[in-house]
Amino acid sequence: MHNDTRAIKRYIPASTFKIPNTLIALEERAIKDEYEIIKWDGKKRFYKPWNKNQNLQSAIAISCV
């Protein structure tokens, strides 16, 4: 089943880019594994859960770029 009307409408990719970017980062060894800690840069963001160190599991769960 498909929806022709929806299929022709353009949508922004939003968070879908996080999946291939994460896979590329792992493949290129920019990050060791899903447990590696990515240090917070210290800049305060409007969403408090982003304001701390992350690993891939925590970052994906809260949609932290």
PDB file of N, CA and C in Angstrom:
ATOM      1  N   MET A   1       0.841  -1.173   0.000  1.00  0.00           N
ATOM      2  CA  MET A   1       0.000   0.000   0.000  1.00  0.00           C
ATOM      3  C   MET A   1       0.892   1.243   0.000  1.00  0.00           C
ATOM      4  N   HIS A   2       0.513   2.262  -0.724  1.00  0.00           N
ATOM      5  CA  HIS A   2       1.279   3.498  -0.778  1.00  0.00           C
ATOM      6  C   HIS A   2       0.333   4.690  -0.850  1.00  0.00           C
ATOM      7  N   ASN A   3       0.900   5.862  -0.587  1.00  0.00           N
ATOM      8  CA  ASN A   3       0.121   7.091  -0.573  1.00  0.00           C
ATOM      9  C   ASN A   3       0.764   8.039  -1.587  1.00  0.00           C
ATOM     10  N   ASP A   4       0.199   8.135  -2.772  1.00  0.00           N
ATOM     11  CA  ASP A   4       0.762   8.958  -3.841  1.00  0.00           C
ATOM     12  C   ASP A   4       0.883  10.427  -3.444  1.00  0.00           C
ATOM     13  N   THR A   5      -0.105  10.945  -2.746  1.00  0.00           N
ATOM     14  CA  THR A   5      -0.071  12.352  -2.339  1.00  0.00           C
ATOM     15  C   THR A   5       1.115  12.613  -1.409  1.00  0.00           C
ATOM     16  N   ARG A   6       1.301  11.756  -0.428  1.00  0.00           N
ATOM     17  CA  ARG A   6       2.422  11.933   0.512  1.00  0.00           C
ATOM     18  C   ARG A   6       3.759  11.685  -0.182  1.00  0.00           C
ATOM     19  N   ALA A   7       3.782  10.776  -1.120  1.00  0.00           N
ATOM     20  CA  ALA A   7       5.029  10.417  -1.795  1.00  0.00           C
ATOM     21  C   ALA A   7       5.619  11.581  -2.592  1.00  0.00           C
ATOM     22  N   ILE A   8       4.792  12.481  -3.088  1.00  0.00           N
ATOM     23  CA  ILE A   8       5.323  13.597  -3.880  1.00  0.00           C
ATOM     24  C   ILE A   8       5.675  14.818  -3.030  1.00  0.00           C
ATOM     25  N   LYS A   9       5.275  14.806  -1.758  1.00  0.00           N
ATOM     26  CA  LYS A   9       5.595  15.927  -0.872  1.00  0.00           C
ATOM     27  C   LYS A   9       7.023  15.760  -0.332  1.00  0.00           C
ATOM     28  N   ARG A  10       7.751  16.876  -0.268  1.00  0.00           N
ATOM     29  CA  ARG A  10       9.116  16.848   0.251  1.00  0.00           C
ATOM     30  C   ARG A  10       9.112  17.043   1.763  1.00  0.00           C
ATOM     31  N   TYR A  11       9.984  16.309   2.425  1.00  0.00           N
ATOM     32  CA  TYR A  11      10.148  16.418   3.865  1.00  0.00           C
ATOM     33  C   TYR A  11      11.631  16.591   4.177  1.00  0.00           C
ATOM     34  N   ILE A  12      11.926  17.314   5.262  1.00  0.00           N
ATOM     35  CA  ILE A  12      13.323  17.428   5.685  1.00  0.00           C
ATOM     36  C   ILE A  12      13.766  16.087   6.267  1.00  0.00           C
ATOM     37  N   PRO A  13      15.047  15.757   6.177  1.00  0.00           N
ATOM     38  CA  PRO A  13      15.502  14.464   6.683  1.00  0.00           C
ATOM     39  C   PRO A  13      15.513  14.378   8.205  1.00  0.00           C
ATOM     40  N   ALA A  14      15.506  15.525   8.889  1.00  0.00           N
ATOM     41  CA  ALA A  14      15.496  15.572  10.355  1.00  0.00           C
ATOM     42  C   ALA A  14      16.568  14.649  10.933  1.00  0.00           C
ATOM     43  N   SER A  15      16.200  13.812  11.860  1.00  0.00           N
ATOM     44  CA  SER A  15      17.189  12.992  12.562  1.00  0.00           C
ATOM     45  C   SER A  15      17.631  11.747  11.799  1.00  0.00           C
ATOM     46  N   THR A  16      17.083  11.496  10.632  1.00  0.00           N
ATOM     47  CA  THR A  16      17.465  10.282   9.908  1.00  0.00           C
ATOM     48  C   THR A  16      18.939  10.297   9.511  1.00  0.00           C
ATOM     49  N   PHE A  17      19.544  11.490   9.419  1.00  0.00           N
ATOM     50  CA  PHE A  17      20.955  11.560   9.052  1.00  0.00           C
ATOM     51  C   PHE A  17      21.854  11.016  10.146  1.00  0.00           C
ATOM     52  N   LYS A  18      21.368  10.941  11.365  1.00  0.00           N
ATOM     53  CA  LYS A  18      22.189  10.454  12.483  1.00  0.00           C
ATOM     54  C   LYS A  18      22.588   8.986  12.297  1.00  0.00           C
ATOM     55  N   ILE A  19      21.728   8.210  11.673  1.00  0.00           N
ATOM     56  CA  ILE A  19      22.015   6.782  11.502  1.00  0.00           C
ATOM     57  C   ILE A  19      23.206   6.569  10.572  1.00  0.00           C
ATOM     58  N   PRO A  20      23.186   7.075   9.327  1.00  0.00           N
ATOM     59  CA  PRO A  20      24.360   6.857   8.479  1.00  0.00           C
ATOM     60  C   PRO A  20      25.611   7.561   9.016  1.00  0.00           C
ATOM     61  N   ASN A  21      25.452   8.752   9.605  1.00  0.00           N
ATOM     62  CA  ASN A  21      26.630   9.434  10.162  1.00  0.00           C
ATOM     63  C   ASN A  21      27.265   8.632  11.285  1.00  0.00           C
ATOM     64  N   THR A  22      26.459   7.994  12.106  1.00  0.00           N
ATOM     65  CA  THR A  22      26.978   7.154  13.183  1.00  0.00           C
ATOM     66  C   THR A  22      27.705   5.947  12.613  1.00  0.00           C
ATOM     67  N   LEU A  23      27.119   5.311  11.623  1.00  0.00           N
ATOM     68  CA  LEU A  23      27.767   4.150  10.999  1.00  0.00           C
ATOM     69  C   LEU A  23      29.083   4.544  10.335  1.00  0.00           C
ATOM     70  N   ILE A  24      29.115   5.689   9.684  1.00  0.00           N
ATOM     71  CA  ILE A  24      30.349   6.174   9.058  1.00  0.00           C
ATOM     72  C   ILE A  24      31.402   6.438  10.119  1.00  0.00           C
ATOM     73  N   ALA A  25      31.017   7.082  11.220  1.00  0.00           N
ATOM     74  CA  ALA A  25      31.962   7.369  12.302  1.00  0.00           C
ATOM     75  C   ALA A  25      32.553   6.087  12.871  1.00  0.00           C
ATOM     76  N   LEU A  26      31.748   5.059  13.010  1.00  0.00           N
ATOM     77  CA  LEU A  26      32.245   3.769  13.514  1.00  0.00           C
ATOM     78  C   LEU A  26      33.153   3.096  12.481  1.00  0.00           C
ATOM     79  N   GLU A  27      32.720   3.098  11.232  1.00  0.00           N
ATOM     80  CA  GLU A  27      33.515   2.459  10.177  1.00  0.00           C
ATOM     81  C   GLU A  27      34.871   3.142   9.993  1.00  0.00           C
ATOM     82  N   GLU A  28      34.877   4.459  10.069  1.00  0.00           N
ATOM     83  CA  GLU A  28      36.118   5.223   9.884  1.00  0.00           C
ATOM     84  C   GLU A  28      36.934   5.338  11.172  1.00  0.00           C
ATOM     85  N   ARG A  29      36.438   4.724  12.212  1.00  0.00           N
ATOM     86  CA  ARG A  29      37.099   4.711  13.521  1.00  0.00           C
ATOM     87  C   ARG A  29      37.293   6.105  14.113  1.00  0.00           C
ATOM     88  N   ALA A  30      36.369   7.009  13.783  1.00  0.00           N
ATOM     89  CA  ALA A  30      36.354   8.325  14.419  1.00  0.00           C
ATOM     90  C   ALA A  30      35.905   8.171  15.872  1.00  0.00           C
ATOM     91  N   ILE A  31      35.171   7.107  16.120  1.00  0.00           N
ATOM     92  CA  ILE A  31      34.769   6.727  17.470  1.00  0.00           C
ATOM     93  C   ILE A  31      35.000   5.223  17.586  1.00  0.00           C
ATOM     94  N   LYS A  32      35.524   4.811  18.731  1.00  0.00           N
ATOM     95  CA  LYS A  32      35.940   3.412  18.905  1.00  0.00           C
ATOM     96  C   LYS A  32      34.761   2.443  18.880  1.00  0.00           C
ATOM     97  N   ASP A  33      33.749   2.718  19.682  1.00  0.00           N
ATOM     98  CA  ASP A  33      32.580   1.845  19.779  1.00  0.00           C
ATOM     99  C   ASP A  33      31.439   2.604  20.457  1.00  0.00           C
ATOM    100  N   GLU A  34      30.344   1.908  20.689  1.00  0.00           N
ATOM    101  CA  GLU A  34      29.164   2.559  21.253  1.00  0.00           C
ATOM    102  C   GLU A  34      29.341   2.990  22.703  1.00  0.00           C
ATOM    103  N   TYR A  35      30.419   2.539  23.333  1.00  0.00           N
ATOM    104  CA  TYR A  35      30.655   2.867  24.744  1.00  0.00           C
ATOM    105  C   TYR A  35      31.625   4.034  24.934  1.00  0.00           C
ATOM    106  N   GLU A  36      32.302   4.444  23.875  1.00  0.00           N
ATOM    107  CA  GLU A  36      33.259   5.542  24.009  1.00  0.00           C
ATOM    108  C   GLU A  36      32.534   6.814  24.455  1.00  0.00           C
ATOM    109  N   ILE A  37      33.125   7.491  25.413  1.00  0.00           N
ATOM    110  CA  ILE A  37      32.541   8.732  25.917  1.00  0.00           C
ATOM    111  C   ILE A  37      32.941   9.889  25.002  1.00  0.00           C
ATOM    112  N   ILE A  38      31.942  10.641  24.583  1.00  0.00           N
ATOM    113  CA  ILE A  38      32.148  11.834  23.773  1.00  0.00           C
ATOM    114  C   ILE A  38      31.983  13.012  24.724  1.00  0.00           C
ATOM    115  N   LYS A  39      33.055  13.742  24.920  1.00  0.00           N
ATOM    116  CA  LYS A  39      33.061  14.835  25.893  1.00  0.00           C
ATOM    117  C   LYS A  39      32.150  15.976  25.451  1.00  0.00           C
ATOM    118  N   TRP A  40      31.395  16.489  26.403  1.00  0.00           N
ATOM    119  CA  TRP A  40      30.548  17.658  26.180  1.00  0.00           C
ATOM    120  C   TRP A  40      31.449  18.872  25.993  1.00  0.00           C
ATOM    121  N   ASP A  41      31.118  19.730  25.052  1.00  0.00           N
ATOM    122  CA  ASP A  41      31.953  20.899  24.757  1.00  0.00           C
ATOM    123  C   ASP A  41      31.749  22.056  25.728  1.00  0.00           C
ATOM    124  N   GLY A  42      30.861  21.913  26.677  1.00  0.00           N
ATOM    125  CA  GLY A  42      30.650  22.942  27.687  1.00  0.00           C
ATOM    126  C   GLY A  42      29.681  24.039  27.292  1.00  0.00           C
ATOM    127  N   LYS A  43      29.213  24.025  26.052  1.00  0.00           N
ATOM    128  CA  LYS A  43      28.247  25.034  25.609  1.00  0.00           C
ATOM    129  C   LYS A  43      26.847  24.635  26.078  1.00  0.00           C
ATOM    130  N   LYS A  44      26.177  25.539  26.758  1.00  0.00           N
ATOM    131  CA  LYS A  44      24.825  25.255  27.264  1.00  0.00           C
ATOM    132  C   LYS A  44      23.829  25.237  26.108  1.00  0.00           C
ATOM    133  N   ARG A  45      23.093  24.143  25.999  1.00  0.00           N
ATOM    134  CA  ARG A  45      22.024  24.014  25.005  1.00  0.00           C
ATOM    135  C   ARG A  45      20.680  24.180  25.708  1.00  0.00           C
ATOM    136  N   PHE A  46      19.639  24.462  24.938  1.00  0.00           N
ATOM    137  CA  PHE A  46      18.315  24.682  25.516  1.00  0.00           C
ATOM    138  C   PHE A  46      17.723  23.418  26.122  1.00  0.00           C
ATOM    139  N   TYR A  47      18.169  22.251  25.665  1.00  0.00           N
ATOM    140  CA  TYR A  47      17.659  20.968  26.153  1.00  0.00           C
ATOM    141  C   TYR A  47      18.687  20.395  27.122  1.00  0.00           C
ATOM    142  N   LYS A  48      18.392  20.445  28.414  1.00  0.00           N
ATOM    143  CA  LYS A  48      19.362  20.108  29.456  1.00  0.00           C
ATOM    144  C   LYS A  48      20.029  18.734  29.311  1.00  0.00           C
ATOM    145  N   PRO A  49      19.321  17.682  28.878  1.00  0.00           N
ATOM    146  CA  PRO A  49      19.995  16.385  28.748  1.00  0.00           C
ATOM    147  C   PRO A  49      21.185  16.393  27.782  1.00  0.00           C
ATOM    148  N   TRP A  50      21.258  17.360  26.875  1.00  0.00           N
ATOM    149  CA  TRP A  50      22.390  17.455  25.945  1.00  0.00           C
ATOM    150  C   TRP A  50      23.634  18.014  26.620  1.00  0.00           C
ATOM    151  N   ASN A  51      23.484  18.637  27.772  1.00  0.00           N
ATOM    152  CA  ASN A  51      24.576  19.336  28.434  1.00  0.00           C
ATOM    153  C   ASN A  51      25.390  18.415  29.342  1.00  0.00           C
ATOM    154  N   LYS A  52      25.912  17.358  28.772  1.00  0.00           N
ATOM    155  CA  LYS A  52      26.752  16.417  29.521  1.00  0.00           C
ATOM    156  C   LYS A  52      27.486  15.521  28.536  1.00  0.00           C
ATOM    157  N   ASN A  53      28.453  14.777  29.035  1.00  0.00           N
ATOM    158  CA  ASN A  53      29.148  13.797  28.204  1.00  0.00           C
ATOM    159  C   ASN A  53      28.139  12.759  27.720  1.00  0.00           C
ATOM    160  N   GLN A  54      28.393  12.201  26.545  1.00  0.00           N
ATOM    161  CA  GLN A  54      27.487  11.211  25.959  1.00  0.00           C
ATOM    162  C   GLN A  54      28.283  10.017  25.444  1.00  0.00           C
ATOM    163  N   ASN A  55      27.599   8.908  25.258  1.00  0.00           N
ATOM    164  CA  ASN A  55      28.093   7.820  24.423  1.00  0.00           C
ATOM    165  C   ASN A  55      27.028   7.627  23.346  1.00  0.00           C
ATOM    166  N   LEU A  56      27.226   6.734  22.416  1.00  0.00           N
ATOM    167  CA  LEU A  56      26.244   6.603  21.324  1.00  0.00           C
ATOM    168  C   LEU A  56      24.865   6.228  21.849  1.00  0.00           C
ATOM    169  N   GLN A  57      24.808   5.361  22.841  1.00  0.00           N
ATOM    170  CA  GLN A  57      23.518   4.947  23.372  1.00  0.00           C
ATOM    171  C   GLN A  57      22.749   6.123  23.977  1.00  0.00           C
ATOM    172  N   SER A  58      23.414   6.911  24.804  1.00  0.00           N
ATOM    173  CA  SER A  58      22.706   8.030  25.438  1.00  0.00           C
ATOM    174  C   SER A  58      22.395   9.126  24.407  1.00  0.00           C
ATOM    175  N   ALA A  59      23.304   9.374  23.478  1.00  0.00           N
ATOM    176  CA  ALA A  59      23.089  10.432  22.487  1.00  0.00           C
ATOM    177  C   ALA A  59      21.910  10.120  21.569  1.00  0.00           C
ATOM    178  N   ILE A  60      21.818   8.900  21.116  1.00  0.00           N
ATOM    179  CA  ILE A  60      20.723   8.527  20.220  1.00  0.00           C
ATOM    180  C   ILE A  60      19.392   8.560  20.978  1.00  0.00           C
ATOM    181  N   ALA A  61      19.397   8.115  22.221  1.00  0.00           N
ATOM    182  CA  ALA A  61      18.161   8.080  23.010  1.00  0.00           C
ATOM    183  C   ALA A  61      17.566   9.478  23.201  1.00  0.00           C
ATOM    184  N   ILE A  62      18.415  10.505  23.285  1.00  0.00           N
ATOM    185  CA  ILE A  62      17.910  11.874  23.502  1.00  0.00           C
ATOM    186  C   ILE A  62      18.079  12.755  22.275  1.00  0.00           C
ATOM    187  N   SER A  63      18.419  12.145  21.143  1.00  0.00           N
ATOM    188  CA  SER A  63      18.569  12.852  19.877  1.00  0.00           C
ATOM    189  C   SER A  63      19.612  13.975  19.947  1.00  0.00           C
ATOM    190  N   CYS A  64      20.730  13.659  20.568  1.00  0.00           N
ATOM    191  CA  CYS A  64      21.823  14.626  20.719  1.00  0.00           C
ATOM    192  C   CYS A  64      22.788  14.470  19.545  1.00  0.00           C
ATOM    193  N   VAL A  65      23.047  15.567  18.875  1.00  0.00           N
ATOM    194  CA  VAL A  65      23.934  15.517  17.712  1.00  0.00           C
ATOM    195  C   VAL A  65      25.381  15.531  18.173  1.00  0.00           C
TER     196      VAL A  65
END
